[in-house]
Amino acid sequence: MAKQVTFYSHKDCGFCGDLRPLVKKAAKLKGLKFVEVDVEKCESKFCDALSYVPVVVLDGKKLSAKKIETFLSS
């Protein structure tokens, strides 16, 4: 199974717009698939449970802010 980064966001989220290109670029550099999910259109239990966006998930594991920082810098 290919590794992937899933970026959960909302169109009205300003920080999502700032973070999206950074995560997308880091994913590309690491050879990972980048998938963006708009939480307004998502009907999964995971999306229903989100209390904020953006959320970055790497291979099914939600990354903390510190781990996102590490992901972007490594």
PDB file of N, CA and C in Angstrom:
ATOM      1  N   MET A   1       0.842  -1.181   0.000  1.00  0.00           N
ATOM      2  CA  MET A   1       0.000   0.000   0.000  1.00  0.00           C
ATOM      3  C   MET A   1       0.893   1.252   0.000  1.00  0.00           C
ATOM      4  N   ALA A   2       0.583   2.159  -0.862  1.00  0.00           N
ATOM      5  CA  ALA A   2       1.366   3.390  -0.976  1.00  0.00           C
ATOM      6  C   ALA A   2       1.157   4.267   0.246  1.00  0.00           C
ATOM      7  N   LYS A   3       2.232   4.920   0.661  1.00  0.00           N
ATOM      8  CA  LYS A   3       2.126   5.853   1.782  1.00  0.00           C
ATOM      9  C   LYS A   3       1.466   7.125   1.296  1.00  0.00           C
ATOM     10  N   GLN A   4       0.671   7.709   2.171  1.00  0.00           N
ATOM     11  CA  GLN A   4      -0.010   8.939   1.774  1.00  0.00           C
ATOM     12  C   GLN A   4      -0.181   9.898   2.937  1.00  0.00           C
ATOM     13  N   VAL A   5      -0.297  11.160   2.578  1.00  0.00           N
ATOM     14  CA  VAL A   5      -0.585  12.231   3.518  1.00  0.00           C
ATOM     15  C   VAL A   5      -1.988  12.726   3.186  1.00  0.00           C
ATOM     16  N   THR A   6      -2.859  12.752   4.183  1.00  0.00           N
ATOM     17  CA  THR A   6      -4.203  13.269   3.990  1.00  0.00           C
ATOM     18  C   THR A   6      -4.326  14.574   4.755  1.00  0.00           C
ATOM     19  N   PHE A   7      -4.790  15.604   4.055  1.00  0.00           N
ATOM     20  CA  PHE A   7      -4.888  16.949   4.613  1.00  0.00           C
ATOM     21  C   PHE A   7      -6.369  17.303   4.717  1.00  0.00           C
ATOM     22  N   TYR A   8      -6.881  17.388   5.943  1.00  0.00           N
ATOM     23  CA  TYR A   8      -8.281  17.726   6.183  1.00  0.00           C
ATOM     24  C   TYR A   8      -8.385  19.229   6.377  1.00  0.00           C
ATOM     25  N   SER A   9      -9.257  19.852   5.602  1.00  0.00           N
ATOM     26  CA  SER A   9      -9.362  21.312   5.653  1.00  0.00           C
ATOM     27  C   SER A   9     -10.793  21.760   5.381  1.00  0.00           C
ATOM     28  N   HIS A  10     -10.962  23.076   5.421  1.00  0.00           N
ATOM     29  CA  HIS A  10     -12.238  23.707   5.110  1.00  0.00           C
ATOM     30  C   HIS A  10     -11.943  24.949   4.288  1.00  0.00           C
ATOM     31  N   LYS A  11     -12.805  25.259   3.355  1.00  0.00           N
ATOM     32  CA  LYS A  11     -12.562  26.386   2.439  1.00  0.00           C
ATOM     33  C   LYS A  11     -12.425  27.731   3.148  1.00  0.00           C
ATOM     34  N   ASP A  12     -13.049  27.891   4.306  1.00  0.00           N
ATOM     35  CA  ASP A  12     -12.997  29.160   5.040  1.00  0.00           C
ATOM     36  C   ASP A  12     -11.865  29.212   6.069  1.00  0.00           C
ATOM     37  N   CYS A  13     -11.027  28.206   6.099  1.00  0.00           N
ATOM     38  CA  CYS A  13      -9.930  28.130   7.059  1.00  0.00           C
ATOM     39  C   CYS A  13      -8.690  28.796   6.460  1.00  0.00           C
ATOM     40  N   GLY A  14      -8.330  29.953   6.987  1.00  0.00           N
ATOM     41  CA  GLY A  14      -7.172  30.678   6.477  1.00  0.00           C
ATOM     42  C   GLY A  14      -5.868  29.931   6.702  1.00  0.00           C
ATOM     43  N   PHE A  15      -5.704  29.342   7.883  1.00  0.00           N
ATOM     44  CA  PHE A  15      -4.468  28.610   8.164  1.00  0.00           C
ATOM     45  C   PHE A  15      -4.345  27.382   7.268  1.00  0.00           C
ATOM     46  N   CYS A  16      -5.486  26.782   6.897  1.00  0.00           N
ATOM     47  CA  CYS A  16      -5.456  25.638   5.975  1.00  0.00           C
ATOM     48  C   CYS A  16      -4.813  26.060   4.658  1.00  0.00           C
ATOM     49  N   GLY A  17      -5.192  27.234   4.174  1.00  0.00           N
ATOM     50  CA  GLY A  17      -4.639  27.745   2.933  1.00  0.00           C
ATOM     51  C   GLY A  17      -3.144  28.010   3.021  1.00  0.00           C
ATOM     52  N   ASP A  18      -2.684  28.408   4.211  1.00  0.00           N
ATOM     53  CA  ASP A  18      -1.251  28.647   4.419  1.00  0.00           C
ATOM     54  C   ASP A  18      -0.468  27.347   4.524  1.00  0.00           C
ATOM     55  N   LEU A  19      -1.039  26.355   5.208  1.00  0.00           N
ATOM     56  CA  LEU A  19      -0.338  25.102   5.472  1.00  0.00           C
ATOM     57  C   LEU A  19      -0.381  24.132   4.296  1.00  0.00           C
ATOM     58  N   ARG A  20      -1.480  24.143   3.528  1.00  0.00           N
ATOM     59  CA  ARG A  20      -1.681  23.196   2.421  1.00  0.00           C
ATOM     60  C   ARG A  20      -0.472  23.092   1.485  1.00  0.00           C
ATOM     61  N   PRO A  21       0.019  24.208   0.920  1.00  0.00           N
ATOM     62  CA  PRO A  21       1.130  24.072  -0.038  1.00  0.00           C
ATOM     63  C   PRO A  21       2.408  23.539   0.611  1.00  0.00           C
ATOM     64  N   LEU A  22       2.618  23.829   1.884  1.00  0.00           N
ATOM     65  CA  LEU A  22       3.807  23.326   2.573  1.00  0.00           C
ATOM     66  C   LEU A  22       3.739  21.807   2.751  1.00  0.00           C
ATOM     67  N   VAL A  23       2.572  21.320   3.170  1.00  0.00           N
ATOM     68  CA  VAL A  23       2.389  19.879   3.361  1.00  0.00           C
ATOM     69  C   VAL A  23       2.443  19.167   2.006  1.00  0.00           C
ATOM     70  N   LYS A  24       1.817  19.747   1.006  1.00  0.00           N
ATOM     71  CA  LYS A  24       1.809  19.148  -0.334  1.00  0.00           C
ATOM     72  C   LYS A  24       3.236  19.032  -0.882  1.00  0.00           C
ATOM     73  N   LYS A  25       4.028  20.085  -0.718  1.00  0.00           N
ATOM     74  CA  LYS A  25       5.404  20.079  -1.209  1.00  0.00           C
ATOM     75  C   LYS A  25       6.248  19.050  -0.458  1.00  0.00           C
ATOM     76  N   ALA A  26       6.102  19.001   0.873  1.00  0.00           N
ATOM     77  CA  ALA A  26       6.855  18.032   1.671  1.00  0.00           C
ATOM     78  C   ALA A  26       6.482  16.601   1.286  1.00  0.00           C
ATOM     79  N   ALA A  27       5.203  16.363   1.052  1.00  0.00           N
ATOM     80  CA  ALA A  27       4.757  15.033   0.636  1.00  0.00           C
ATOM     81  C   ALA A  27       5.395  14.649  -0.691  1.00  0.00           C
ATOM     82  N   LYS A  28       5.399  15.571  -1.628  1.00  0.00           N
ATOM     83  CA  LYS A  28       5.981  15.307  -2.947  1.00  0.00           C
ATOM     84  C   LYS A  28       7.470  14.997  -2.827  1.00  0.00           C
ATOM     85  N   LEU A  29       8.182  15.783  -2.032  1.00  0.00           N
ATOM     86  CA  LEU A  29       9.618  15.568  -1.849  1.00  0.00           C
ATOM     87  C   LEU A  29       9.922  14.217  -1.215  1.00  0.00           C
ATOM     88  N   LYS A  30       9.003  13.715  -0.388  1.00  0.00           N
ATOM     89  CA  LYS A  30       9.186  12.428   0.278  1.00  0.00           C
ATOM     90  C   LYS A  30       8.619  11.265  -0.537  1.00  0.00           C
ATOM     91  N   GLY A  31       8.034  11.579  -1.698  1.00  0.00           N
ATOM     92  CA  GLY A  31       7.467  10.538  -2.546  1.00  0.00           C
ATOM     93  C   GLY A  31       6.152   9.983  -2.032  1.00  0.00           C
ATOM     94  N   LEU A  32       5.424  10.794  -1.273  1.00  0.00           N
ATOM     95  CA  LEU A  32       4.147  10.366  -0.710  1.00  0.00           C
ATOM     96  C   LEU A  32       2.989  10.946  -1.511  1.00  0.00           C
ATOM     97  N   LYS A  33       1.915  10.210  -1.581  1.00  0.00           N
ATOM     98  CA  LYS A  33       0.692  10.693  -2.221  1.00  0.00           C
ATOM     99  C   LYS A  33       0.055  11.736  -1.315  1.00  0.00           C
ATOM    100  N   PHE A  34      -0.437  12.831  -1.897  1.00  0.00           N
ATOM    101  CA  PHE A  34      -1.116  13.892  -1.146  1.00  0.00           C
ATOM    102  C   PHE A  34      -2.599  13.860  -1.491  1.00  0.00           C
ATOM    103  N   VAL A  35      -3.431  13.778  -0.467  1.00  0.00           N
ATOM    104  CA  VAL A  35      -4.881  13.774  -0.647  1.00  0.00           C
ATOM    105  C   VAL A  35      -5.453  14.866   0.242  1.00  0.00           C
ATOM    106  N   GLU A  36      -6.304  15.716  -0.338  1.00  0.00           N
ATOM    107  CA  GLU A  36      -6.964  16.752   0.450  1.00  0.00           C
ATOM    108  C   GLU A  36      -8.438  16.404   0.604  1.00  0.00           C
ATOM    109  N   VAL A  37      -8.950  16.566   1.820  1.00  0.00           N
ATOM    110  CA  VAL A  37     -10.349  16.272   2.112  1.00  0.00           C
ATOM    111  C   VAL A  37     -10.993  17.530   2.683  1.00  0.00           C
ATOM    112  N   ASP A  38     -12.053  17.977   2.043  1.00  0.00           N
ATOM    113  CA  ASP A  38     -12.847  19.103   2.546  1.00  0.00           C
ATOM    114  C   ASP A  38     -13.828  18.534   3.563  1.00  0.00           C
ATOM    115  N   VAL A  39     -13.698  18.946   4.809  1.00  0.00           N
ATOM    116  CA  VAL A  39     -14.530  18.367   5.868  1.00  0.00           C
ATOM    117  C   VAL A  39     -16.014  18.664   5.683  1.00  0.00           C
ATOM    118  N   GLU A  40     -16.353  19.697   4.924  1.00  0.00           N
ATOM    119  CA  GLU A  40     -17.770  19.999   4.644  1.00  0.00           C
ATOM    120  C   GLU A  40     -18.396  18.928   3.756  1.00  0.00           C
ATOM    121  N   LYS A  41     -17.588  18.297   2.920  1.00  0.00           N
ATOM    122  CA  LYS A  41     -18.095  17.298   1.977  1.00  0.00           C
ATOM    123  C   LYS A  41     -17.834  15.873   2.435  1.00  0.00           C
ATOM    124  N   CYS A  42     -17.098  15.722   3.503  1.00  0.00           N
ATOM    125  CA  CYS A  42     -16.714  14.409   4.015  1.00  0.00           C
ATOM    126  C   CYS A  42     -17.821  13.855   4.904  1.00  0.00           C
ATOM    127  N   GLU A  43     -18.145  12.595   4.725  1.00  0.00           N
ATOM    128  CA  GLU A  43     -19.213  11.979   5.504  1.00  0.00           C
ATOM    129  C   GLU A  43     -18.721  10.808   6.350  1.00  0.00           C
ATOM    130  N   SER A  44     -17.440  10.810   6.685  1.00  0.00           N
ATOM    131  CA  SER A  44     -16.909   9.709   7.495  1.00  0.00           C
ATOM    132  C   SER A  44     -17.002  10.041   8.979  1.00  0.00           C
ATOM    133  N   LYS A  45     -16.883   9.019   9.803  1.00  0.00           N
ATOM    134  CA  LYS A  45     -16.893   9.214  11.248  1.00  0.00           C
ATOM    135  C   LYS A  45     -15.681  10.037  11.672  1.00  0.00           C
ATOM    136  N   PHE A  46     -14.560   9.840  10.973  1.00  0.00           N
ATOM    137  CA  PHE A  46     -13.348  10.594  11.299  1.00  0.00           C
ATOM    138  C   PHE A  46     -13.604  12.087  11.134  1.00  0.00           C
ATOM    139  N   CYS A  47     -14.191  12.477  10.010  1.00  0.00           N
ATOM    140  CA  CYS A  47     -14.482  13.897   9.770  1.00  0.00           C
ATOM    141  C   CYS A  47     -15.483  14.433  10.787  1.00  0.00           C
ATOM    142  N   ASP A  48     -16.476  13.642  11.112  1.00  0.00           N
ATOM    143  CA  ASP A  48     -17.476  14.070  12.095  1.00  0.00           C
ATOM    144  C   ASP A  48     -16.844  14.317  13.466  1.00  0.00           C
ATOM    145  N   ALA A  49     -15.772  13.604  13.770  1.00  0.00           N
ATOM    146  CA  ALA A  49     -15.128  13.711  15.073  1.00  0.00           C
ATOM    147  C   ALA A  49     -14.116  14.861  15.148  1.00  0.00           C
ATOM    148  N   LEU A  50     -13.786  15.473  14.026  1.00  0.00           N
ATOM    149  CA  LEU A  50     -12.804  16.553  14.038  1.00  0.00           C
ATOM    150  C   LEU A  50     -13.386  17.803  14.689  1.00  0.00           C
ATOM    151  N   SER A  51     -12.620  18.397  15.588  1.00  0.00           N
ATOM    152  CA  SER A  51     -13.080  19.616  16.244  1.00  0.00           C
ATOM    153  C   SER A  51     -12.366  20.855  15.712  1.00  0.00           C
ATOM    154  N   TYR A  52     -11.379  20.644  14.835  1.00  0.00           N
ATOM    155  CA  TYR A  52     -10.649  21.757  14.229  1.00  0.00           C
ATOM    156  C   TYR A  52     -10.000  21.295  12.929  1.00  0.00           C
ATOM    157  N   VAL A  53      -9.626  22.237  12.121  1.00  0.00           N
ATOM    158  CA  VAL A  53      -8.830  21.992  10.917  1.00  0.00           C
ATOM    159  C   VAL A  53      -7.746  23.057  10.867  1.00  0.00           C
ATOM    160  N   PRO A  54      -6.659  22.860  10.221  1.00  0.00           N
ATOM    161  CA  PRO A  54      -6.324  21.686   9.435  1.00  0.00           C
ATOM    162  C   PRO A  54      -5.874  20.517  10.320  1.00  0.00           C
ATOM    163  N   VAL A  55      -6.049  19.329   9.768  1.00  0.00           N
ATOM    164  CA  VAL A  55      -5.560  18.106  10.376  1.00  0.00           C
ATOM    165  C   VAL A  55      -4.745  17.382   9.311  1.00  0.00           C
ATOM    166  N   VAL A  56      -3.562  16.933   9.712  1.00  0.00           N
ATOM    167  CA  VAL A  56      -2.692  16.194   8.801  1.00  0.00           C
ATOM    168  C   VAL A  56      -2.592  14.764   9.313  1.00  0.00           C
ATOM    169  N   VAL A  57      -2.846  13.817   8.405  1.00  0.00           N
ATOM    170  CA  VAL A  57      -2.798  12.404   8.746  1.00  0.00           C
ATOM    171  C   VAL A  57      -1.771  11.740   7.840  1.00  0.00           C
ATOM    172  N   LEU A  58      -0.824  11.044   8.449  1.00  0.00           N
ATOM    173  CA  LEU A  58       0.213  10.325   7.710  1.00  0.00           C
ATOM    174  C   LEU A  58      -0.012   8.840   7.905  1.00  0.00           C
ATOM    175  N   ASP A  59      -0.338   8.158   6.833  1.00  0.00           N
ATOM    176  CA  ASP A  59      -0.604   6.716   6.872  1.00  0.00           C
ATOM    177  C   ASP A  59      -1.567   6.324   7.985  1.00  0.00           C
ATOM    178  N   GLY A  60      -2.651   7.087   8.108  1.00  0.00           N
ATOM    179  CA  GLY A  60      -3.694   6.752   9.070  1.00  0.00           C
ATOM    180  C   GLY A  60      -3.478   7.273  10.472  1.00  0.00           C
ATOM    181  N   LYS A  61      -2.345   7.960  10.715  1.00  0.00           N
ATOM    182  CA  LYS A  61      -2.065   8.484  12.051  1.00  0.00           C
ATOM    183  C   LYS A  61      -2.109  10.004  12.038  1.00  0.00           C
ATOM    184  N   LYS A  62      -2.968  10.551  12.890  1.00  0.00           N
ATOM    185  CA  LYS A  62      -3.113  12.000  13.006  1.00  0.00           C
ATOM    186  C   LYS A  62      -1.844  12.581  13.625  1.00  0.00           C
ATOM    187  N   LEU A  63      -1.278  13.598  12.972  1.00  0.00           N
ATOM    188  CA  LEU A  63      -0.044  14.208  13.446  1.00  0.00           C
ATOM    189  C   LEU A  63      -0.328  15.386  14.376  1.00  0.00           C
ATOM    190  N   SER A  64       0.421  15.463  15.442  1.00  0.00           N
ATOM    191  CA  SER A  64       0.350  16.616  16.345  1.00  0.00           C
ATOM    192  C   SER A  64       1.040  17.792  15.660  1.00  0.00           C
ATOM    193  N   ALA A  65       0.897  18.968  16.223  1.00  0.00           N
ATOM    194  CA  ALA A  65       1.546  20.156  15.657  1.00  0.00           C
ATOM    195  C   ALA A  65       3.053  19.961  15.596  1.00  0.00           C
ATOM    196  N   LYS A  66       3.629  19.380  16.633  1.00  0.00           N
ATOM    197  CA  LYS A  66       5.081  19.135  16.669  1.00  0.00           C
ATOM    198  C   LYS A  66       5.491  18.158  15.573  1.00  0.00           C
ATOM    199  N   LYS A  67       4.698  17.107  15.360  1.00  0.00           N
ATOM    200  CA  LYS A  67       5.028  16.126  14.326  1.00  0.00           C
ATOM    201  C   LYS A  67       4.835  16.712  12.921  1.00  0.00           C
ATOM    202  N   ILE A  68       3.890  17.623  12.768  1.00  0.00           N
ATOM    203  CA  ILE A  68       3.734  18.313  11.476  1.00  0.00           C
ATOM    204  C   ILE A  68       4.983  19.140  11.209  1.00  0.00           C
ATOM    205  N   GLU A  69       5.453  19.830  12.238  1.00  0.00           N
ATOM    206  CA  GLU A  69       6.668  20.640  12.107  1.00  0.00           C
ATOM    207  C   GLU A  69       7.849  19.763  11.696  1.00  0.00           C
ATOM    208  N   THR A  70       7.980  18.618  12.320  1.00  0.00           N
ATOM    209  CA  THR A  70       9.053  17.662  11.994  1.00  0.00           C
ATOM    210  C   THR A  70       8.888  17.153  10.558  1.00  0.00           C
ATOM    211  N   PHE A  71       7.662  16.835  10.176  1.00  0.00           N
ATOM    212  CA  PHE A  71       7.383  16.348   8.824  1.00  0.00           C
ATOM    213  C   PHE A  71       7.798  17.389   7.785  1.00  0.00           C
ATOM    214  N   LEU A  72       7.507  18.644   8.053  1.00  0.00           N
ATOM    215  CA  LEU A  72       7.820  19.712   7.108  1.00  0.00           C
ATOM    216  C   LEU A  72       9.311  19.994   7.022  1.00  0.00           C
ATOM    217  N   SER A  73      10.027  19.784   8.113  1.00  0.00           N
ATOM    218  CA  SER A  73      11.438  20.149   8.136  1.00  0.00           C
ATOM    219  C   SER A  73      12.386  19.011   7.786  1.00  0.00           C
ATOM    220  N   SER A  74      11.900  17.789   7.768  1.00  0.00           N
ATOM    221  CA  SER A  74      12.801  16.664   7.486  1.00  0.00           C
ATOM    222  C   SER A  74      12.817  16.274   6.026  1.00  0.00           C
TER     223      SER A  74
END
